[in-house]
PDB file of N, CA and C in Angstrom:
ATOM      1  N   MET A   1      87.439  71.381 117.342  1.00  0.00           N
ATOM      2  CA  MET A   1      87.052  72.887 117.012  1.00  0.00           C
ATOM      3  C   MET A   1      86.588  73.406 115.990  1.00  0.00           C
ATOM      4  N   THR A   2      86.291  75.038 116.892  1.00  0.00           N
ATOM      5  CA  THR A   2      85.288  75.328 115.897  1.00  0.00           C
ATOM      6  C   THR A   2      85.892  76.679 115.530  1.00  0.00           C
ATOM      7  N   THR A   3      85.693  76.811 114.791  1.00  0.00           N
ATOM      8  CA  THR A   3      85.971  78.436 114.391  1.00  0.00           C
ATOM      9  C   THR A   3      84.800  79.361 114.171  1.00  0.00           C
ATOM     10  N   LYS A   4      84.916  80.631 114.258  1.00  0.00           N
ATOM     11  CA  LYS A   4      83.623  81.604 114.168  1.00  0.00           C
ATOM     12  C   LYS A   4      83.864  82.460 113.106  1.00  0.00           C
ATOM     13  N   ILE A   5      82.600  82.368 112.669  1.00  0.00           N
ATOM     14  CA  ILE A   5      82.608  82.690 110.796  1.00  0.00           C
ATOM     15  C   ILE A   5      82.222  84.512 111.524  1.00  0.00           C
ATOM     16  N   LYS A   6      83.168  85.261 110.966  1.00  0.00           N
ATOM     17  CA  LYS A   6      82.537  86.322 111.614  1.00  0.00           C
ATOM     18  C   LYS A   6      82.186  87.426 109.860  1.00  0.00           C
ATOM     19  N   LYS A   7      81.523  88.214 110.050  1.00  0.00           N
ATOM     20  CA  LYS A   7      80.704  88.722 108.968  1.00  0.00           C
ATOM     21  C   LYS A   7      81.161  89.542 108.364  1.00  0.00           C
ATOM     22  N   LEU A   8      80.914  89.300 106.821  1.00  0.00           N
ATOM     23  CA  LEU A   8      81.511  90.616 106.170  1.00  0.00           C
ATOM     24  C   LEU A   8      81.901  91.817 106.103  1.00  0.00           C
ATOM     25  N   THR A   9      82.073  92.600 106.636  1.00  0.00           N
ATOM     26  CA  THR A   9      81.654  94.206 106.554  1.00  0.00           C
ATOM     27  C   THR A   9      81.786  94.812 104.103  1.00  0.00           C
ATOM     28  N   ARG A  10      81.607  95.561 104.311  1.00  0.00           N
ATOM     29  CA  ARG A  10      81.989  95.991 102.774  1.00  0.00           C
ATOM     30  C   ARG A  10      81.271  97.772 103.648  1.00  0.00           C
ATOM     31  N   PRO A  11      82.137  98.152 104.259  1.00  0.00           N
ATOM     32  CA  PRO A  11      81.748 100.639 104.484  1.00  0.00           C
ATOM     33  C   PRO A  11      81.911 100.792 103.529  1.00  0.00           C
ATOM     34  N   LEU A  12      82.481 100.534 102.012  1.00  0.00           N
ATOM     35  CA  LEU A  12      82.556 101.988 101.173  1.00  0.00           C
ATOM     36  C   LEU A  12      81.205 101.680 100.325  1.00  0.00           C
ATOM     37  N   ARG A  13      80.709 100.706 100.290  1.00  0.00           N
ATOM     38  CA  ARG A  13      79.452 100.038  98.936  1.00  0.00           C
ATOM     39  C   ARG A  13      78.092 100.687 100.350  1.00  0.00           C
ATOM     40  N   ASP A  14      78.334 100.065 101.430  1.00  0.00           N
ATOM     41  CA  ASP A  14      77.120 100.587 102.431  1.00  0.00           C
ATOM     42  C   ASP A  14      77.385 101.832 102.831  1.00  0.00           C
ATOM     43  N   LEU A  15      78.152 102.763 103.250  1.00  0.00           N
ATOM     44  CA  LEU A  15      78.296 104.137 102.280  1.00  0.00           C
ATOM     45  C   LEU A  15      77.696 104.812 101.055  1.00  0.00           C
ATOM     46  N   LEU A  16      77.573 104.073 100.989  1.00  0.00           N
ATOM     47  CA  LEU A  16      77.147 104.600  99.071  1.00  0.00           C
ATOM     48  C   LEU A  16      75.685 103.577  98.845  1.00  0.00           C
ATOM     49  N   LEU A  17      75.199 103.413  99.567  1.00  0.00           N
ATOM     50  CA  LEU A  17      73.607 103.184  99.255  1.00  0.00           C
ATOM     51  C   LEU A  17      73.341 102.668  99.672  1.00  0.00           C
ATOM     52  N   GLN A  18      73.601 103.354 100.903  1.00  0.00           N
ATOM     53  CA  GLN A  18      72.429 104.468 101.938  1.00  0.00           C
ATOM     54  C   GLN A  18      73.034 105.914 102.545  1.00  0.00           C
ATOM     55  N   LEU A  19      73.118 106.812 101.480  1.00  0.00           N
ATOM     56  CA  LEU A  19      73.718 108.035 100.693  1.00  0.00           C
ATOM     57  C   LEU A  19      71.868 108.243  99.826  1.00  0.00           C
ATOM     58  N   PRO A  20      71.340 107.550  99.713  1.00  0.00           N
ATOM     59  CA  PRO A  20      70.347 108.129  98.879  1.00  0.00           C
ATOM     60  C   PRO A  20      69.171 108.040  99.582  1.00  0.00           C
ATOM     61  N   HIS A  21      69.580 107.256 101.376  1.00  0.00           N
ATOM     62  CA  HIS A  21      68.641 107.335 102.100  1.00  0.00           C
ATOM     63  C   HIS A  21      67.867 109.169 102.603  1.00  0.00           C
ATOM     64  N   LEU A  22      69.236 109.681 101.734  1.00  0.00           N
ATOM     65  CA  LEU A  22      69.006 111.585 102.750  1.00  0.00           C
ATOM     66  C   LEU A  22      68.365 112.543 101.988  1.00  0.00           C
ATOM     67  N   THR A  23      67.747 113.572 102.206  1.00  0.00           N
ATOM     68  CA  THR A  23      66.847 114.532 101.137  1.00  0.00           C
ATOM     69  C   THR A  23      67.742 115.259 101.685  1.00  0.00           C
ATOM     70  N   LEU A  24      67.456 116.299 100.620  1.00  0.00           N
ATOM     71  CA  LEU A  24      69.039 117.466 100.332  1.00  0.00           C
ATOM     72  C   LEU A  24      68.038 118.878 100.948  1.00  0.00           C
ATOM     73  N   THR A  25      68.062 119.941 101.594  1.00  0.00           N
ATOM     74  CA  THR A  25      68.109 121.606 101.111  1.00  0.00           C
ATOM     75  C   THR A  25      67.836 121.648  99.930  1.00  0.00           C
ATOM     76  N   ALA A  26      66.734 122.440  99.815  1.00  0.00           N
ATOM     77  CA  ALA A  26      66.523 123.624  98.583  1.00  0.00           C
ATOM     78  C   ALA A  26      67.842 124.412  97.930  1.00  0.00           C
ATOM     79  N   GLU A  27      68.448 124.414  98.132  1.00  0.00           N
ATOM     80  CA  GLU A  27      69.894 125.468  98.827  1.00  0.00           C
ATOM     81  C   GLU A  27      71.115 124.347  97.877  1.00  0.00           C
ATOM     82  N   LEU A  28      70.589 122.622  97.688  1.00  0.00           N
ATOM     83  CA  LEU A  28      70.933 121.984  97.401  1.00  0.00           C
ATOM     84  C   LEU A  28      71.833 121.157  98.662  1.00  0.00           C
ATOM     85  N   ASP A  29      72.217 121.103  99.848  1.00  0.00           N
ATOM     86  CA  ASP A  29      73.406 120.353 101.156  1.00  0.00           C
ATOM     87  C   ASP A  29      71.431 119.511 101.759  1.00  0.00           C
ATOM     88  N   ILE A  30      72.749 118.483 102.518  1.00  0.00           N
ATOM     89  CA  ILE A  30      72.504 117.391 103.335  1.00  0.00           C
ATOM     90  C   ILE A  30      71.502 117.689 104.221  1.00  0.00           C
ATOM     91  N   ASP A  31      70.620 117.594 104.802  1.00  0.00           N
ATOM     92  CA  ASP A  31      69.801 118.470 105.660  1.00  0.00           C
ATOM     93  C   ASP A  31      69.387 116.931 106.379  1.00  0.00           C
ATOM     94  N   TYR A  32      70.569 117.338 106.644  1.00  0.00           N
ATOM     95  CA  TYR A  32      71.685 115.946 108.221  1.00  0.00           C
ATOM     96  C   TYR A  32      69.891 115.864 109.707  1.00  0.00           C
ATOM     97  N   SER A  33      68.926 117.250 109.804  1.00  0.00           N
ATOM     98  CA  SER A  33      68.456 117.397 110.862  1.00  0.00           C
ATOM     99  C   SER A  33      66.805 115.949 110.324  1.00  0.00           C
ATOM    100  N   ALA A  34      66.715 115.878 109.043  1.00  0.00           N
ATOM    101  CA  ALA A  34      65.035 115.606 108.354  1.00  0.00           C
ATOM    102  C   ALA A  34      66.254 114.020 108.716  1.00  0.00           C
ATOM    103  N   ALA A  35      66.686 113.596 108.650  1.00  0.00           N
ATOM    104  CA  ALA A  35      67.227 111.362 108.657  1.00  0.00           C
ATOM    105  C   ALA A  35      67.270 111.494 110.018  1.00  0.00           C
ATOM    106  N   GLU A  36      66.929 109.532 110.164  1.00  0.00           N
ATOM    107  CA  GLU A  36      67.216 109.454 111.028  1.00  0.00           C
ATOM    108  C   GLU A  36      68.232 109.112 111.377  1.00  0.00           C
ATOM    109  N   PRO A  37      67.759 109.221 112.985  1.00  0.00           N
ATOM    110  CA  PRO A  37      69.050 109.194 113.725  1.00  0.00           C
ATOM    111  C   PRO A  37      69.888 108.186 113.471  1.00  0.00           C
ATOM    112  N   ALA A  38      68.585 106.532 114.276  1.00  0.00           N
ATOM    113  CA  ALA A  38      69.960 105.385 113.631  1.00  0.00           C
ATOM    114  C   ALA A  38      70.560 105.153 111.874  1.00  0.00           C
ATOM    115  N   LEU A  39      70.480 106.232 111.018  1.00  0.00           N
ATOM    116  CA  LEU A  39      70.479 105.827 109.805  1.00  0.00           C
ATOM    117  C   LEU A  39      71.818 106.841 109.069  1.00  0.00           C
ATOM    118  N   LEU A  40      71.718 107.959 110.167  1.00  0.00           N
ATOM    119  CA  LEU A  40      73.763 108.587 110.236  1.00  0.00           C
ATOM    120  C   LEU A  40      74.276 108.411 111.089  1.00  0.00           C
ATOM    121  N   ALA A  41      74.237 107.471 112.588  1.00  0.00           N
ATOM    122  CA  ALA A  41      74.741 106.767 113.259  1.00  0.00           C
ATOM    123  C   ALA A  41      75.838 105.284 112.434  1.00  0.00           C
ATOM    124  N   GLN A  42      75.012 104.985 111.389  1.00  0.00           N
ATOM    125  CA  GLN A  42      75.534 104.248 110.377  1.00  0.00           C
ATOM    126  C   GLN A  42      76.596 104.455 109.382  1.00  0.00           C
ATOM    127  N   LEU A  43      75.691 106.105 108.824  1.00  0.00           N
ATOM    128  CA  LEU A  43      76.831 106.519 107.910  1.00  0.00           C
ATOM    129  C   LEU A  43      78.537 107.051 108.378  1.00  0.00           C
ATOM    130  N   ALA A  44      78.007 108.595 109.513  1.00  0.00           N
ATOM    131  CA  ALA A  44      79.032 107.481 110.168  1.00  0.00           C
ATOM    132  C   ALA A  44      80.098 107.306 110.694  1.00  0.00           C
ATOM    133  N   ASP A  45      79.179 105.643 111.497  1.00  0.00           N
ATOM    134  CA  ASP A  45      79.976 104.638 111.043  1.00  0.00           C
ATOM    135  C   ASP A  45      81.158 104.426 110.196  1.00  0.00           C
ATOM    136  N   ASN A  46      79.931 104.348 108.950  1.00  0.00           N
ATOM    137  CA  ASN A  46      81.045 103.140 107.786  1.00  0.00           C
ATOM    138  C   ASN A  46      82.098 103.836 107.703  1.00  0.00           C
ATOM    139  N   ALA A  47      81.022 105.732 106.998  1.00  0.00           N
ATOM    140  CA  ALA A  47      82.452 107.045 107.101  1.00  0.00           C
ATOM    141  C   ALA A  47      83.718 107.505 107.417  1.00  0.00           C
ATOM    142  N   GLU A  48      83.578 107.176 108.839  1.00  0.00           N
ATOM    143  CA  GLU A  48      84.863 106.877 109.285  1.00  0.00           C
ATOM    144  C   GLU A  48      85.476 105.478 108.854  1.00  0.00           C
ATOM    145  N   ILE A  49      85.076 104.786 108.547  1.00  0.00           N
ATOM    146  CA  ILE A  49      86.300 103.152 108.466  1.00  0.00           C
ATOM    147  C   ILE A  49      86.152 103.691 106.886  1.00  0.00           C
ATOM    148  N   VAL A  50      85.868 104.134 106.455  1.00  0.00           N
ATOM    149  CA  VAL A  50      86.392 104.724 105.119  1.00  0.00           C
ATOM    150  C   VAL A  50      87.209 104.852 105.217  1.00  0.00           C
ATOM    151  N   MET A  51      87.281 106.107 105.689  1.00  0.00           N
ATOM    152  CA  MET A  51      88.160 106.990 106.317  1.00  0.00           C
ATOM    153  C   MET A  51      89.642 106.317 105.770  1.00  0.00           C
ATOM    154  N   ARG A  52      89.258 105.038 107.579  1.00  0.00           N
ATOM    155  CA  ARG A  52      90.936 105.226 108.131  1.00  0.00           C
ATOM    156  C   ARG A  52      91.907 104.049 106.470  1.00  0.00           C
ATOM    157  N   ILE A  53      90.601 103.382 105.727  1.00  0.00           N
ATOM    158  CA  ILE A  53      91.082 102.603 104.790  1.00  0.00           C
ATOM    159  C   ILE A  53      91.404 103.474 103.737  1.00  0.00           C
ATOM    160  N   SER A  54      91.306 104.392 103.313  1.00  0.00           N
ATOM    161  CA  SER A  54      91.493 105.284 102.197  1.00  0.00           C
ATOM    162  C   SER A  54      92.561 105.787 103.057  1.00  0.00           C
ATOM    163  N   HIS A  55      93.201 105.829 103.840  1.00  0.00           N
ATOM    164  CA  HIS A  55      94.089 106.714 104.351  1.00  0.00           C
ATOM    165  C   HIS A  55      95.138 105.651 104.412  1.00  0.00           C
ATOM    166  N   MET A  56      94.966 104.756 105.090  1.00  0.00           N
ATOM    167  CA  MET A  56      95.838 102.823 104.885  1.00  0.00           C
ATOM    168  C   MET A  56      96.152 103.129 103.190  1.00  0.00           C
ATOM    169  N   GLY A  57      95.746 102.967 102.360  1.00  0.00           N
ATOM    170  CA  GLY A  57      95.747 101.958 101.491  1.00  0.00           C
ATOM    171  C   GLY A  57      96.562 104.010 100.727  1.00  0.00           C
ATOM    172  N   ILE A  58      96.241 105.423 101.012  1.00  0.00           N
ATOM    173  CA  ILE A  58      96.720 106.340 101.019  1.00  0.00           C
ATOM    174  C   ILE A  58      98.527 105.919 100.640  1.00  0.00           C
ATOM    175  N   SER A  59      98.644 105.788 101.733  1.00  0.00           N
ATOM    176  CA  SER A  59     100.150 105.591 102.645  1.00  0.00           C
ATOM    177  C   SER A  59     100.315 104.766 102.205  1.00  0.00           C
ATOM    178  N   ALA A  60     100.469 102.987 102.094  1.00  0.00           N
ATOM    179  CA  ALA A  60     100.580 102.723 101.586  1.00  0.00           C
ATOM    180  C   ALA A  60     101.533 102.298 100.104  1.00  0.00           C
ATOM    181  N   MET A  61     100.626 102.465  98.867  1.00  0.00           N
ATOM    182  CA  MET A  61     101.020 103.441  97.709  1.00  0.00           C
ATOM    183  C   MET A  61     102.022 104.863  97.802  1.00  0.00           C
ATOM    184  N   GLY A  62     102.080 105.246  98.838  1.00  0.00           N
ATOM    185  CA  GLY A  62     103.142 106.559  98.701  1.00  0.00           C
ATOM    186  C   GLY A  62     104.427 105.689  99.090  1.00  0.00           C
ATOM    187  N   MET A  63     104.767 104.122 100.356  1.00  0.00           N
ATOM    188  CA  MET A  63     105.961 104.201 100.916  1.00  0.00           C
ATOM    189  C   MET A  63     105.567 102.492  99.433  1.00  0.00           C
ATOM    190  N   LEU A  64     104.940 102.187  98.756  1.00  0.00           N
ATOM    191  CA  LEU A  64     105.146 101.725  97.209  1.00  0.00           C
ATOM    192  C   LEU A  64     105.822 102.170  96.524  1.00  0.00           C
ATOM    193  N   LEU A  65     105.632 103.589  96.164  1.00  0.00           N
ATOM    194  CA  LEU A  65     105.800 105.008  95.307  1.00  0.00           C
ATOM    195  C   LEU A  65     107.526 104.748  95.244  1.00  0.00           C
ATOM    196  N   ALA A  66     107.709 105.411  97.344  1.00  0.00           N
ATOM    197  CA  ALA A  66     108.901 105.769  97.426  1.00  0.00           C
ATOM    198  C   ALA A  66     110.415 104.098  96.839  1.00  0.00           C
ATOM    199  N   HIS A  67     109.346 103.426  97.231  1.00  0.00           N
ATOM    200  CA  HIS A  67     110.072 102.164  97.154  1.00  0.00           C
ATOM    201  C   HIS A  67     110.689 102.257  95.370  1.00  0.00           C
ATOM    202  N   SER A  68     110.034 102.139  94.538  1.00  0.00           N
ATOM    203  CA  SER A  68     109.919 100.948  93.530  1.00  0.00           C
ATOM    204  C   SER A  68     110.494 102.535  92.821  1.00  0.00           C
ATOM    205  N   ALA A  69     110.531 103.458  93.481  1.00  0.00           N
ATOM    206  CA  ALA A  69     111.621 104.907  92.373  1.00  0.00           C
ATOM    207  C   ALA A  69     112.520 104.678  90.965  1.00  0.00           C
ATOM    208  N   PRO A  70     113.395 103.374  91.664  1.00  0.00           N
ATOM    209  CA  PRO A  70     114.679 103.184  91.252  1.00  0.00           C
ATOM    210  C   PRO A  70     114.154 102.312  89.271  1.00  0.00           C
ATOM    211  N   GLU A  71     112.391 101.547  89.994  1.00  0.00           N
ATOM    212  CA  GLU A  71     112.329 100.960  89.088  1.00  0.00           C
ATOM    213  C   GLU A  71     111.859 101.618  88.138  1.00  0.00           C
ATOM    214  N   ILE A  72     111.363 103.307  88.762  1.00  0.00           N
ATOM    215  CA  ILE A  72     110.735 103.900  88.041  1.00  0.00           C
ATOM    216  C   ILE A  72     111.722 105.026  86.519  1.00  0.00           C
ATOM    217  N   GLU A  73     111.872 105.219  87.243  1.00  0.00           N
ATOM    218  CA  GLU A  73     113.713 105.734  87.381  1.00  0.00           C
ATOM    219  C   GLU A  73     114.057 105.277  85.649  1.00  0.00           C
ATOM    220  N   VAL A  74     114.404 104.058  85.716  1.00  0.00           N
ATOM    221  CA  VAL A  74     114.894 103.494  84.283  1.00  0.00           C
ATOM    222  C   VAL A  74     113.633 102.544  83.605  1.00  0.00           C
ATOM    223  N   ARG A  75     112.770 102.887  83.702  1.00  0.00           N
ATOM    224  CA  ARG A  75     111.347 102.445  82.993  1.00  0.00           C
ATOM    225  C   ARG A  75     111.253 101.092  83.568  1.00  0.00           C
ATOM    226  N   GLU A  76     111.021 100.186  84.780  1.00  0.00           N
ATOM    227  CA  GLU A  76     110.907  99.181  84.479  1.00  0.00           C
ATOM    228  C   GLU A  76     109.488  99.581  84.063  1.00  0.00           C
ATOM    229  N   ILE A  77     108.917 100.365  85.202  1.00  0.00           N
ATOM    230  CA  ILE A  77     107.136 100.584  85.140  1.00  0.00           C
ATOM    231  C   ILE A  77     106.507 102.154  84.263  1.00  0.00           C
ATOM    232  N   PRO A  78     106.183 101.801  83.840  1.00  0.00           N
ATOM    233  CA  PRO A  78     105.384 102.618  82.540  1.00  0.00           C
ATOM    234  C   PRO A  78     105.171 103.547  83.561  1.00  0.00           C
ATOM    235  N   GLY A  79     105.536 104.699  82.575  1.00  0.00           N
ATOM    236  CA  GLY A  79     104.924 105.860  83.216  1.00  0.00           C
ATOM    237  C   GLY A  79     103.201 106.274  83.638  1.00  0.00           C
ATOM    238  N   ASP A  80     102.702 105.857  82.571  1.00  0.00           N
ATOM    239  CA  ASP A  80     101.268 105.966  82.483  1.00  0.00           C
ATOM    240  C   ASP A  80     100.646 105.184  84.050  1.00  0.00           C
ATOM    241  N   ALA A  81     101.573 104.260  84.406  1.00  0.00           N
ATOM    242  CA  ALA A  81     101.383 103.967  85.428  1.00  0.00           C
ATOM    243  C   ALA A  81     101.720 104.117  86.906  1.00  0.00           C
ATOM    244  N   VAL A  82     102.510 105.241  86.708  1.00  0.00           N
ATOM    245  CA  VAL A  82     102.774 105.491  87.580  1.00  0.00           C
ATOM    246  C   VAL A  82     101.440 106.929  88.599  1.00  0.00           C
ATOM    247  N   GLU A  83     101.691 106.967  86.639  1.00  0.00           N
ATOM    248  CA  GLU A  83     100.786 108.565  86.279  1.00  0.00           C
ATOM    249  C   GLU A  83      98.876 107.997  87.154  1.00  0.00           C
ATOM    250  N   ALA A  84      98.361 107.145  86.447  1.00  0.00           N
ATOM    251  CA  ALA A  84      97.391 106.080  87.193  1.00  0.00           C
ATOM    252  C   ALA A  84      97.146 105.537  88.608  1.00  0.00           C
ATOM    253  N   VAL A  85      98.049 105.494  88.695  1.00  0.00           N
ATOM    254  CA  VAL A  85      98.043 105.259  91.192  1.00  0.00           C
ATOM    255  C   VAL A  85      98.823 107.028  91.573  1.00  0.00           C
ATOM    256  N   GLY A  86      99.473 107.688  90.740  1.00  0.00           N
ATOM    257  CA  GLY A  86      98.613 109.697  91.224  1.00  0.00           C
ATOM    258  C   GLY A  86      97.297 109.765  90.985  1.00  0.00           C
ATOM    259  N   TRP A  87      96.801 109.927  90.350  1.00  0.00           N
ATOM    260  CA  TRP A  87      95.049 110.011  90.663  1.00  0.00           C
ATOM    261  C   TRP A  87      94.355 109.497  91.484  1.00  0.00           C
ATOM    262  N   LEU A  88      94.480 108.075  90.788  1.00  0.00           N
ATOM    263  CA  LEU A  88      94.169 107.444  92.045  1.00  0.00           C
ATOM    264  C   LEU A  88      94.218 107.111  93.587  1.00  0.00           C
ATOM    265  N   MET A  89      95.191 107.720  93.943  1.00  0.00           N
ATOM    266  CA  MET A  89      95.647 108.728  95.771  1.00  0.00           C
ATOM    267  C   MET A  89      95.199 109.689  95.721  1.00  0.00           C
ATOM    268  N   ALA A  90      94.406 110.799  95.180  1.00  0.00           N
ATOM    269  CA  ALA A  90      94.441 112.038  94.012  1.00  0.00           C
ATOM    270  C   ALA A  90      92.604 111.830  94.650  1.00  0.00           C
ATOM    271  N   GLU A  91      92.363 110.862  93.862  1.00  0.00           N
ATOM    272  CA  GLU A  91      90.685 110.632  94.241  1.00  0.00           C
ATOM    273  C   GLU A  91      90.630 110.240  95.815  1.00  0.00           C
ATOM    274  N   LEU A  92      91.436 109.167  96.581  1.00  0.00           N
ATOM    275  CA  LEU A  92      90.984 108.506  97.698  1.00  0.00           C
ATOM    276  C   LEU A  92      91.234 109.960  98.671  1.00  0.00           C
ATOM    277  N   GLY A  93      92.352 110.537  98.399  1.00  0.00           N
ATOM    278  CA  GLY A  93      91.972 111.399  99.559  1.00  0.00           C
ATOM    279  C   GLY A  93      91.274 112.511  99.330  1.00  0.00           C
ATOM    280  N   GLU A  94      91.158 112.781  98.638  1.00  0.00           N
ATOM    281  CA  GLU A  94      89.393 113.645  98.319  1.00  0.00           C
ATOM    282  C   GLU A  94      87.948 113.225  98.620  1.00  0.00           C
ATOM    283  N   PHE A  95      88.217 111.791  98.151  1.00  0.00           N
ATOM    284  CA  PHE A  95      87.078 111.097  99.537  1.00  0.00           C
ATOM    285  C   PHE A  95      87.337 110.659 101.066  1.00  0.00           C
ATOM    286  N   ALA A  96      88.247 110.384 101.033  1.00  0.00           N
ATOM    287  CA  ALA A  96      88.758 110.640 102.173  1.00  0.00           C
ATOM    288  C   ALA A  96      88.020 112.101 102.750  1.00  0.00           C
ATOM    289  N   ALA A  97      88.437 113.121 102.629  1.00  0.00           N
ATOM    290  CA  ALA A  97      87.863 114.432 103.276  1.00  0.00           C
ATOM    291  C   ALA A  97      86.953 114.172 103.080  1.00  0.00           C
ATOM    292  N   ILE A  98      85.109 113.975 102.558  1.00  0.00           N
ATOM    293  CA  ILE A  98      85.031 114.186 102.550  1.00  0.00           C
ATOM    294  C   ILE A  98      83.846 113.725 103.536  1.00  0.00           C
ATOM    295  N   ALA A  99      84.278 111.790 103.709  1.00  0.00           N
ATOM    296  CA  ALA A  99      84.351 111.105 103.796  1.00  0.00           C
ATOM    297  C   ALA A  99      83.844 111.808 105.602  1.00  0.00           C
ATOM    298  N   GLN A 100      84.424 111.991 105.810  1.00  0.00           N
ATOM    299  CA  GLN A 100      85.878 113.195 107.086  1.00  0.00           C
ATOM    300  C   GLN A 100      84.010 114.051 107.591  1.00  0.00           C
ATOM    301  N   CYS A 101      84.054 114.488 106.083  1.00  0.00           N
ATOM    302  CA  CYS A 101      82.434 115.722 107.076  1.00  0.00           C
ATOM    303  C   CYS A 101      81.597 115.398 107.006  1.00  0.00           C
ATOM    304  N   ILE A 102      80.919 114.410 106.165  1.00  0.00           N
ATOM    305  CA  ILE A 102      79.720 113.357 106.208  1.00  0.00           C
ATOM    306  C   ILE A 102      79.954 112.485 107.894  1.00  0.00           C
ATOM    307  N   ALA A 103      80.370 112.491 107.987  1.00  0.00           N
ATOM    308  CA  ALA A 103      80.534 111.386 109.665  1.00  0.00           C
ATOM    309  C   ALA A 103      80.718 112.271 110.285  1.00  0.00           C
ATOM    310  N   VAL A 104      81.179 113.728 110.196  1.00  0.00           N
ATOM    311  CA  VAL A 104      81.322 115.089 111.387  1.00  0.00           C
ATOM    312  C   VAL A 104      80.530 115.217 111.490  1.00  0.00           C
ATOM    313  N   ALA A 105      79.295 115.506 110.270  1.00  0.00           N
ATOM    314  CA  ALA A 105      78.380 115.756 110.221  1.00  0.00           C
ATOM    315  C   ALA A 105      77.321 114.911 111.173  1.00  0.00           C
ATOM    316  N   CYS A 106      76.956 113.633 110.181  1.00  0.00           N
ATOM    317  CA  CYS A 106      76.905 112.147 111.023  1.00  0.00           C
ATOM    318  C   CYS A 106      76.711 113.044 112.444  1.00  0.00           C
ATOM    319  N   ARG A 107      78.022 112.528 113.647  1.00  0.00           N
ATOM    320  CA  ARG A 107      77.715 112.454 114.788  1.00  0.00           C
ATOM    321  C   ARG A 107      77.870 113.656 115.339  1.00  0.00           C
ATOM    322  N   ARG A 108      77.452 114.999 114.301  1.00  0.00           N
ATOM    323  CA  ARG A 108      76.930 116.187 115.337  1.00  0.00           C
ATOM    324  C   ARG A 108      74.744 115.704 115.163  1.00  0.00           C
ATOM    325  N   HIS A 109      74.689 115.413 114.726  1.00  0.00           N
ATOM    326  CA  HIS A 109      73.599 115.420 114.180  1.00  0.00           C
ATOM    327  C   HIS A 109      72.739 113.694 115.517  1.00  0.00           C
ATOM    328  N   THR A 110      74.439 113.573 115.956  1.00  0.00           N
ATOM    329  CA  THR A 110      73.639 112.222 116.761  1.00  0.00           C
ATOM    330  C   THR A 110      74.096 111.975 118.402  1.00  0.00           C
ATOM    331  N   ALA A 111      74.469 113.162 118.662  1.00  0.00           N
ATOM    332  CA  ALA A 111      75.176 113.459 119.707  1.00  0.00           C
ATOM    333  C   ALA A 111      74.127 112.522 120.866  1.00  0.00           C
ATOM    334  N   ASP A 112      73.085 112.842 121.438  1.00  0.00           N
ATOM    335  CA  ASP A 112      72.541 112.565 122.495  1.00  0.00           C
ATOM    336  C   ASP A 112      71.288 111.666 121.685  1.00  0.00           C
ATOM    337  N   TYR A 113      72.059 111.280 120.828  1.00  0.00           N
ATOM    338  CA  TYR A 113      71.625 109.658 120.419  1.00  0.00           C
ATOM    339  C   TYR A 113      71.727 108.629 120.562  1.00  0.00           C
ATOM    340  N   ALA A 114      70.919 107.436 121.938  1.00  0.00           N
ATOM    341  CA  ALA A 114      71.216 106.905 122.545  1.00  0.00           C
ATOM    342  C   ALA A 114      70.142 105.699 122.435  1.00  0.00           C
ATOM    343  N   PRO A 115      69.333 104.756 121.147  1.00  0.00           N
ATOM    344  CA  PRO A 115      68.731 103.872 121.292  1.00  0.00           C
ATOM    345  C   PRO A 115      69.382 103.046 122.323  1.00  0.00           C
ATOM    346  N   ARG A 116      67.604 102.611 122.814  1.00  0.00           N
ATOM    347  CA  ARG A 116      67.442 101.230 124.174  1.00  0.00           C
ATOM    348  C   ARG A 116      67.943 100.014 123.249  1.00  0.00           C
ATOM    349  N   THR A 117      67.297  99.768 121.751  1.00  0.00           N
ATOM    350  CA  THR A 117      67.619  97.970 120.862  1.00  0.00           C
ATOM    351  C   THR A 117      68.564  99.423 119.429  1.00  0.00           C
ATOM    352  N   ALA A 118      69.456  98.720 119.162  1.00  0.00           N
ATOM    353  CA  ALA A 118      69.667  99.135 117.787  1.00  0.00           C
ATOM    354  C   ALA A 118      68.715  98.605 117.070  1.00  0.00           C
ATOM    355  N   LYS A 119      69.209  99.950 116.280  1.00  0.00           N
ATOM    356  CA  LYS A 119      67.773  99.895 115.135  1.00  0.00           C
ATOM    357  C   LYS A 119      68.945 100.101 113.869  1.00  0.00           C
ATOM    358  N   HIS A 120      68.420  98.879 112.591  1.00  0.00           N
ATOM    359  CA  HIS A 120      68.919  98.891 111.098  1.00  0.00           C
ATOM    360  C   HIS A 120      68.408 100.450 109.664  1.00  0.00           C
ATOM    361  N   ILE A 121      69.168 100.797 109.386  1.00  0.00           N
ATOM    362  CA  ILE A 121      67.491 101.372 108.097  1.00  0.00           C
ATOM    363  C   ILE A 121      69.276 100.496 106.928  1.00  0.00           C
ATOM    364  N   PRO A 122      67.991  99.293 106.060  1.00  0.00           N
ATOM    365  CA  PRO A 122      68.785  98.798 105.417  1.00  0.00           C
ATOM    366  C   PRO A 122      69.220  99.343 103.937  1.00  0.00           C
ATOM    367  N   ASN A 123      70.020  99.155 102.784  1.00  0.00           N
ATOM    368  CA  ASN A 123      70.033  99.357 102.382  1.00  0.00           C
ATOM    369  C   ASN A 123      70.615 100.487 101.294  1.00  0.00           C
ATOM    370  N   ALA A 124      69.939 101.341 100.162  1.00  0.00           N
ATOM    371  CA  ALA A 124      69.630 101.007  99.487  1.00  0.00           C
ATOM    372  C   ALA A 124      69.553 100.038  97.811  1.00  0.00           C
ATOM    373  N   ARG A 125      69.050 100.050  96.399  1.00  0.00           N
ATOM    374  CA  ARG A 125      69.386  99.014  95.810  1.00  0.00           C
ATOM    375  C   ARG A 125      70.412  99.364  94.471  1.00  0.00           C
ATOM    376  N   PRO A 126      70.995  99.115  94.286  1.00  0.00           N
ATOM    377  CA  PRO A 126      71.820  99.669  93.518  1.00  0.00           C
ATOM    378  C   PRO A 126      71.018  99.099  91.983  1.00  0.00           C
TER     379      PRO A 126
END
């Protein structure tokens, strides 16, 4: 019996390391029209995946907080831990919103992009 090993994907890491390939306009807007379509397609894919992961994680944390309300009320779970989770949820929500903006802009600029062979743009080095 053989087992197929799936390639591990890291969409958040890839998204962050692909962003440096983008250039900015004089007004500090991302210049999507100057970017390679292959890069925009990769950015859109990763941004959409990260957005879904963020939404699922925020939902899961909300469910955990709701179910741990009795423990929070009697202070079995420290208030600063709940506060930290709240800040994390807020940041993830903001990140998901920005990821959606990036994905939509990338998709808009690659609406007619249909390469015969897929091109891969390597990540920048951290």
